C-alpha atoms as a PDB file:
ATOM      1  CA  MET A   1      83.934  57.386 147.784  1.00  0.00           C
ATOM      2  CA  ALA A   2      82.432  58.938 150.776  1.00  0.00           C
ATOM      3  CA  GLU A   3      84.141  62.243 151.928  1.00  0.00           C
ATOM      4  CA  GLN A   4      85.927  61.844 155.429  1.00  0.00           C
ATOM      5  CA  SER A   5      84.169  63.880 158.164  1.00  0.00           C
ATOM      6  CA  THR A   6      86.116  66.337 160.284  1.00  0.00           C
ATOM      7  CA  LYS A   7      83.850  66.062 163.297  1.00  0.00           C
ATOM      8  CA  VAL A   8      84.577  63.585 165.744  1.00  0.00           C
ATOM      9  CA  THR A   9      83.041  62.498 169.326  1.00  0.00           C
ATOM     10  CA  ILE A  10      85.792  61.312 171.657  1.00  0.00           C
ATOM     11  CA  PRO A  11      84.497  59.095 174.447  1.00  0.00           C
ATOM     12  CA  LYS A  12      85.517  58.555 177.674  1.00  0.00           C
ATOM     13  CA  ALA A  13      87.727  61.679 177.738  1.00  0.00           C
ATOM     14  CA  ARG A  14      89.179  63.528 180.982  1.00  0.00           C
ATOM     15  CA  LEU A  15      88.912  67.489 180.875  1.00  0.00           C
ATOM     16  CA  SER A  16      91.599  69.632 181.820  1.00  0.00           C
ATOM     17  CA  TYR A  17      91.604  73.382 181.777  1.00  0.00           C
ATOM     18  CA  ALA A  18      87.797  73.342 181.571  1.00  0.00           C
ATOM     19  CA  ASN A  19      86.741  76.691 180.703  1.00  0.00           C
ATOM     20  CA  VAL A  20      83.335  75.398 179.480  1.00  0.00           C
ATOM     21  CA  HIS A  21      80.884  77.710 181.386  1.00  0.00           C
ATOM     22  CA  VAL A  22      82.644  81.230 180.786  1.00  0.00           C
ATOM     23  CA  PRO A  23      84.657  82.424 177.960  1.00  0.00           C
ATOM     24  CA  VAL A  24      88.150  83.506 178.980  1.00  0.00           C
ATOM     25  CA  LYS A  25      90.812  85.148 176.894  1.00  0.00           C
ATOM     26  CA  ALA A  26      93.747  83.083 175.636  1.00  0.00           C
ATOM     27  CA  MET A  27      97.495  84.227 175.984  1.00  0.00           C
ATOM     28  CA  ASP A  28      97.630  84.706 172.141  1.00  0.00           C
ATOM     29  CA  SER A  29      94.386  86.491 171.446  1.00  0.00           C
ATOM     30  CA  GLU A  30      92.088  89.005 172.844  1.00  0.00           C
ATOM     31  CA  GLU A  31      88.951  86.911 171.859  1.00  0.00           C
ATOM     32  CA  GLU A  32      87.333  85.178 174.742  1.00  0.00           C
ATOM     33  CA  LYS A  33      86.486  81.770 174.008  1.00  0.00           C
ATOM     34  CA  TYR A  34      85.270  78.538 175.684  1.00  0.00           C
ATOM     35  CA  SER A  35      87.920  75.923 175.804  1.00  0.00           C
ATOM     36  CA  CYS A  36      89.112  72.767 177.473  1.00  0.00           C
ATOM     37  CA  SER A  37      91.983  70.152 176.950  1.00  0.00           C
ATOM     38  CA  VAL A  38      90.292  66.984 176.145  1.00  0.00           C
ATOM     39  CA  LEU A  39      92.565  63.808 177.244  1.00  0.00           C
ATOM     40  CA  TRP A  40      92.198  60.051 176.362  1.00  0.00           C
ATOM     41  CA  PRO A  41      94.456  57.078 176.909  1.00  0.00           C
ATOM     42  CA  LYS A  42      97.011  56.218 174.272  1.00  0.00           C
ATOM     43  CA  THR A  43      95.895  52.615 174.226  1.00  0.00           C
ATOM     44  CA  ASP A  44      92.543  53.923 172.742  1.00  0.00           C
ATOM     45  CA  LYS A  45      93.600  53.549 169.165  1.00  0.00           C
ATOM     46  CA  LYS A  46      89.935  53.745 167.860  1.00  0.00           C
ATOM     47  CA  THR A  47      89.701  57.301 169.091  1.00  0.00           C
ATOM     48  CA  THR A  48      93.301  58.408 167.820  1.00  0.00           C
ATOM     49  CA  GLU A  49      92.854  57.048 164.625  1.00  0.00           C
ATOM     50  CA  ALA A  50      89.407  58.945 164.167  1.00  0.00           C
ATOM     51  CA  VAL A  51      91.193  61.938 165.294  1.00  0.00           C
ATOM     52  CA  GLN A  52      93.843  61.582 162.844  1.00  0.00           C
ATOM     53  CA  ALA A  53      91.785  60.604 160.066  1.00  0.00           C
ATOM     54  CA  ALA A  54      89.708  63.948 160.748  1.00  0.00           C
ATOM     55  CA  ILE A  55      92.453  65.940 160.899  1.00  0.00           C
ATOM     56  CA  LYS A  56      93.801  64.563 157.604  1.00  0.00           C
ATOM     57  CA  ALA A  57      90.252  65.601 156.213  1.00  0.00           C
ATOM     58  CA  ALA A  58      90.559  69.075 157.604  1.00  0.00           C
ATOM     59  CA  ALA A  59      94.019  69.576 156.193  1.00  0.00           C
ATOM     60  CA  ALA A  60      92.478  68.347 152.678  1.00  0.00           C
ATOM     61  CA  ALA A  61      89.704  70.898 152.852  1.00  0.00           C
ATOM     62  CA  ALA A  62      92.200  73.569 153.869  1.00  0.00           C
ATOM     63  CA  LEU A  63      94.758  72.677 151.357  1.00  0.00           C
ATOM     64  CA  ALA A  64      91.796  73.465 148.619  1.00  0.00           C
ATOM     65  CA  THR A  65      90.721  76.626 150.175  1.00  0.00           C
ATOM     66  CA  LYS A  66      92.426  78.767 152.988  1.00  0.00           C
ATOM     67  CA  TRP A  67      96.084  77.519 152.198  1.00  0.00           C
ATOM     68  CA  GLU A  68      95.904  78.117 148.524  1.00  0.00           C
ATOM     69  CA  LYS A  69      97.230  74.521 147.552  1.00  0.00           C
ATOM     70  CA  VAL A  70     100.411  75.154 150.068  1.00  0.00           C
ATOM     71  CA  ALA A  71     100.396  72.770 152.981  1.00  0.00           C
ATOM     72  CA  PRO A  72     102.532  73.845 156.013  1.00  0.00           C
ATOM     73  CA  LYS A  73     105.554  71.879 156.400  1.00  0.00           C
ATOM     74  CA  THR A  74     104.726  71.623 160.228  1.00  0.00           C
ATOM     75  CA  TYR A  75     102.241  73.176 162.744  1.00  0.00           C
ATOM     76  CA  LYS A  76     103.255  75.449 165.132  1.00  0.00           C
ATOM     77  CA  ASP A  77     100.617  74.142 167.370  1.00  0.00           C
ATOM     78  CA  PRO A  78      99.774  70.715 166.454  1.00  0.00           C
ATOM     79  CA  PRO A  79      96.233  69.521 166.820  1.00  0.00           C
ATOM     80  CA  LEU A  80      97.076  66.140 168.339  1.00  0.00           C
ATOM     81  CA  ARG A  81      99.232  66.272 171.254  1.00  0.00           C
ATOM     82  CA  ASP A  82     101.357  63.863 173.338  1.00  0.00           C
ATOM     83  CA  GLY A  83     100.529  64.058 176.979  1.00  0.00           C
ATOM     84  CA  ASP A  84     103.580  62.557 177.930  1.00  0.00           C
ATOM     85  CA  GLU A  85     105.742  65.504 176.602  1.00  0.00           C
ATOM     86  CA  LYS A  86     103.162  67.738 178.759  1.00  0.00           C
ATOM     87  CA  PHE A  87     104.077  65.426 181.776  1.00  0.00           C
ATOM     88  CA  GLU A  88     107.632  65.756 181.432  1.00  0.00           C
ATOM     89  CA  GLU A  89     107.553  69.696 181.551  1.00  0.00           C
ATOM     90  CA  ASP A  90     105.977  69.485 184.983  1.00  0.00           C
ATOM     91  CA  PRO A  91     105.250  66.013 186.247  1.00  0.00           C
ATOM     92  CA  GLU A  92     103.326  67.231 189.313  1.00  0.00           C
ATOM     93  CA  LYS A  93     101.142  70.101 187.420  1.00  0.00           C
ATOM     94  CA  TYR A  94     100.600  67.569 184.413  1.00  0.00           C
ATOM     95  CA  LYS A  95     100.225  64.313 186.131  1.00  0.00           C
ATOM     96  CA  ALA A  96      96.698  63.465 184.647  1.00  0.00           C
ATOM     97  CA  TYR A  97      98.492  63.802 181.059  1.00  0.00           C
ATOM     98  CA  LYS A  98     100.979  60.885 181.331  1.00  0.00           C
ATOM     99  CA  GLY A  99      99.972  57.977 178.994  1.00  0.00           C
ATOM    100  CA  MET A 100      97.569  60.272 177.286  1.00  0.00           C
ATOM    101  CA  TYR A 101      96.818  61.837 173.889  1.00  0.00           C
ATOM    102  CA  TYR A 102      95.100  65.343 174.041  1.00  0.00           C
ATOM    103  CA  VAL A 103      93.571  68.161 171.911  1.00  0.00           C
ATOM    104  CA  ALA A 104      93.049  71.489 172.880  1.00  0.00           C
ATOM    105  CA  ALA A 105      89.460  72.673 172.088  1.00  0.00           C
ATOM    106  CA  LYS A 106      87.815  75.823 171.769  1.00  0.00           C
ATOM    107  CA  SER A 107      84.595  77.769 170.705  1.00  0.00           C
ATOM    108  CA  LYS A 108      83.521  81.225 170.259  1.00  0.00           C
ATOM    109  CA  GLU A 109      79.889  79.942 171.010  1.00  0.00           C
ATOM    110  CA  LYS A 110      78.962  78.187 174.425  1.00  0.00           C
ATOM    111  CA  PRO A 111      79.385  74.371 174.086  1.00  0.00           C
ATOM    112  CA  THR A 112      76.374  72.427 174.742  1.00  0.00           C
ATOM    113  CA  LEU A 113      76.880  70.974 178.185  1.00  0.00           C
ATOM    114  CA  LEU A 114      74.700  67.738 178.877  1.00  0.00           C
ATOM    115  CA  GLY A 115      74.355  65.078 181.832  1.00  0.00           C
ATOM    116  CA  LYS A 116      74.106  61.391 181.469  1.00  0.00           C
ATOM    117  CA  ASP A 117      70.544  61.878 180.729  1.00  0.00           C
ATOM    118  CA  LYS A 118      71.105  64.224 177.847  1.00  0.00           C
ATOM    119  CA  LYS A 119      69.488  67.137 179.382  1.00  0.00           C
ATOM    120  CA  GLU A 120      71.440  70.549 179.696  1.00  0.00           C
ATOM    121  CA  ILE A 121      73.427  71.042 182.745  1.00  0.00           C
ATOM    122  CA  ALA A 122      73.009  74.326 184.389  1.00  0.00           C
ATOM    123  CA  SER A 123      75.353  74.176 187.094  1.00  0.00           C
ATOM    124  CA  LYS A 124      78.805  75.719 186.866  1.00  0.00           C
ATOM    125  CA  THR A 125      80.147  73.162 189.102  1.00  0.00           C
ATOM    126  CA  ASP A 126      78.938  70.064 187.541  1.00  0.00           C
ATOM    127  CA  ILE A 127      81.494  70.105 184.549  1.00  0.00           C
ATOM    128  CA  TYR A 128      85.187  70.958 185.712  1.00  0.00           C
ATOM    129  CA  SER A 129      88.779  70.057 185.018  1.00  0.00           C
ATOM    130  CA  GLY A 130      88.963  66.149 186.123  1.00  0.00           C
ATOM    131  CA  CYS A 131      85.552  65.152 185.445  1.00  0.00           C
ATOM    132  CA  TYR A 132      84.750  62.498 182.601  1.00  0.00           C
ATOM    133  CA  CYS A 133      82.865  63.321 179.256  1.00  0.00           C
ATOM    134  CA  HIS A 134      81.787  62.519 176.142  1.00  0.00           C
ATOM    135  CA  VAL A 135      83.380  65.335 173.993  1.00  0.00           C
ATOM    136  CA  SER A 136      81.880  66.596 170.433  1.00  0.00           C
ATOM    137  CA  VAL A 137      85.005  68.541 168.557  1.00  0.00           C
ATOM    138  CA  ASN A 138      85.486  69.192 164.870  1.00  0.00           C
ATOM    139  CA  PHE A 139      88.775  70.037 163.198  1.00  0.00           C
ATOM    140  CA  TYR A 140      89.492  72.719 160.693  1.00  0.00           C
ATOM    141  CA  GLY A 141      92.061  74.658 158.543  1.00  0.00           C
ATOM    142  CA  PHE A 142      92.987  78.180 159.346  1.00  0.00           C
ATOM    143  CA  LYS A 143      95.280  81.021 158.146  1.00  0.00           C
ATOM    144  CA  MET A 144      95.906  83.843 160.383  1.00  0.00           C
ATOM    145  CA  LYS A 145      98.706  86.117 160.612  1.00  0.00           C
ATOM    146  CA  GLY A 146     101.064  84.111 158.680  1.00  0.00           C
ATOM    147  CA  ASN A 147     100.523  81.009 160.335  1.00  0.00           C
ATOM    148  CA  LYS A 148      98.517  77.993 158.753  1.00  0.00           C
ATOM    149  CA  GLY A 149      97.338  75.035 160.969  1.00  0.00           C
ATOM    150  CA  ILE A 150      94.643  72.687 162.007  1.00  0.00           C
ATOM    151  CA  ALA A 151      92.529  74.112 164.934  1.00  0.00           C
ATOM    152  CA  VAL A 152      90.096  72.136 167.007  1.00  0.00           C
ATOM    153  CA  GLY A 153      86.403  73.317 167.684  1.00  0.00           C
ATOM    154  CA  LEU A 154      84.665  72.539 170.941  1.00  0.00           C
ATOM    155  CA  ASN A 155      81.047  71.468 169.923  1.00  0.00           C
ATOM    156  CA  GLY A 156      79.493  69.990 173.290  1.00  0.00           C
ATOM    157  CA  LEU A 157      80.054  68.033 176.184  1.00  0.00           C
ATOM    158  CA  MET A 158      78.129  64.975 177.847  1.00  0.00           C
ATOM    159  CA  LYS A 159      79.320  64.249 181.498  1.00  0.00           C
ATOM    160  CA  PHE A 160      79.276  60.648 182.543  1.00  0.00           C
ATOM    161  CA  SER A 161      81.196  60.654 185.418  1.00  0.00           C
ATOM    162  CA  ASP A 162      83.052  62.651 188.333  1.00  0.00           C
ATOM    163  CA  GLY A 163      86.792  62.724 188.625  1.00  0.00           C
ATOM    164  CA  GLU A 164      89.386  63.806 191.013  1.00  0.00           C
ATOM    165  CA  ALA A 165      89.328  67.486 190.408  1.00  0.00           C
ATOM    166  CA  LEU A 166      92.640  68.627 188.567  1.00  0.00           C
ATOM    167  CA  ALA A 167      92.608  72.319 189.807  1.00  0.00           C
ATOM    168  CA  GLY A 168      91.267  74.537 191.967  1.00  0.00           C
ATOM    169  CA  ARG A 169      89.733  74.404 195.385  1.00  0.00           C
ATOM    170  CA  GLY A 170      89.128  70.673 195.677  1.00  0.00           C
ATOM    171  CA  ASN A 171      86.825  69.713 198.364  1.00  0.00           C
ATOM    172  CA  VAL A 172      86.878  72.607 200.928  1.00  0.00           C
ATOM    173  CA  VAL A 173      84.370  70.584 203.162  1.00  0.00           C
ATOM    174  CA  ALA A 174      87.316  68.137 203.721  1.00  0.00           C
ATOM    175  CA  ASP A 175      89.730  70.788 204.476  1.00  0.00           C
ATOM    176  CA  PHE A 176      88.010  71.561 207.626  1.00  0.00           C
ATOM    177  CA  ASP A 177      87.510  68.131 208.838  1.00  0.00           C
ATOM    178  CA  GLY A 178      88.294  67.940 212.695  1.00  0.00           C
ATOM    179  CA  TYR A 179      87.235  71.425 212.980  1.00  0.00           C
ATOM    180  CA  GLU A 180      84.195  72.667 215.011  1.00  0.00           C
ATOM    181  CA  ALA A 181      82.240  75.944 214.571  1.00  0.00           C
ATOM    182  CA  ASN A 182      83.319  78.274 217.419  1.00  0.00           C
ATOM    183  CA  THR A 183      80.932  80.351 219.380  1.00  0.00           C
ATOM    184  CA  ASP A 184      81.633  83.794 220.766  1.00  0.00           C
ATOM    185  CA  GLU A 185      82.486  82.342 223.995  1.00  0.00           C
ATOM    186  CA  ASP A 186      85.654  80.352 222.570  1.00  0.00           C
ATOM    187  CA  GLN A 187      87.423  83.319 220.738  1.00  0.00           C
ATOM    188  CA  ASP A 188      90.902  83.724 222.309  1.00  0.00           C
ATOM    189  CA  PHE A 189      91.956  86.557 220.316  1.00  0.00           C
END
């Protein structure tokens, strides 16, 4: 019987909290990491089943090594999360999470960032919170500071479509629709 993989490519995912160009410090860590939340519809059962199988495989591997044959009863931060719970916390802030599952993926190393043509993306504006990507992640067990769990590693992203930005400045050019550049003669102050 073949060993179950702990690696999954999540197709047609939407990114949230995308810090994939520059690493940032997490609230619970001193380490800087690249990270993003990877959202996909709950109706995508194939992806959800692949993620669940990879989590199970990562737990089995950790049980034999890092966890010393004692599995945690629950995970403080579960690897597979329900977006509807996040949405209920703050419907305006987390509106994109409604009807979705998600994983919070992180990496110490910069993930590979590709365009539709599978060529590396250099621009820091091409991949952002709200765009759609295929996302490669891997699941692995950890034991740290008395906590045991399953973490999600961020391997790479392949952008395939733009989407409405979930945060940040949005379309600044549109903010100035209806305004024209003033000349020195038009200054009234």
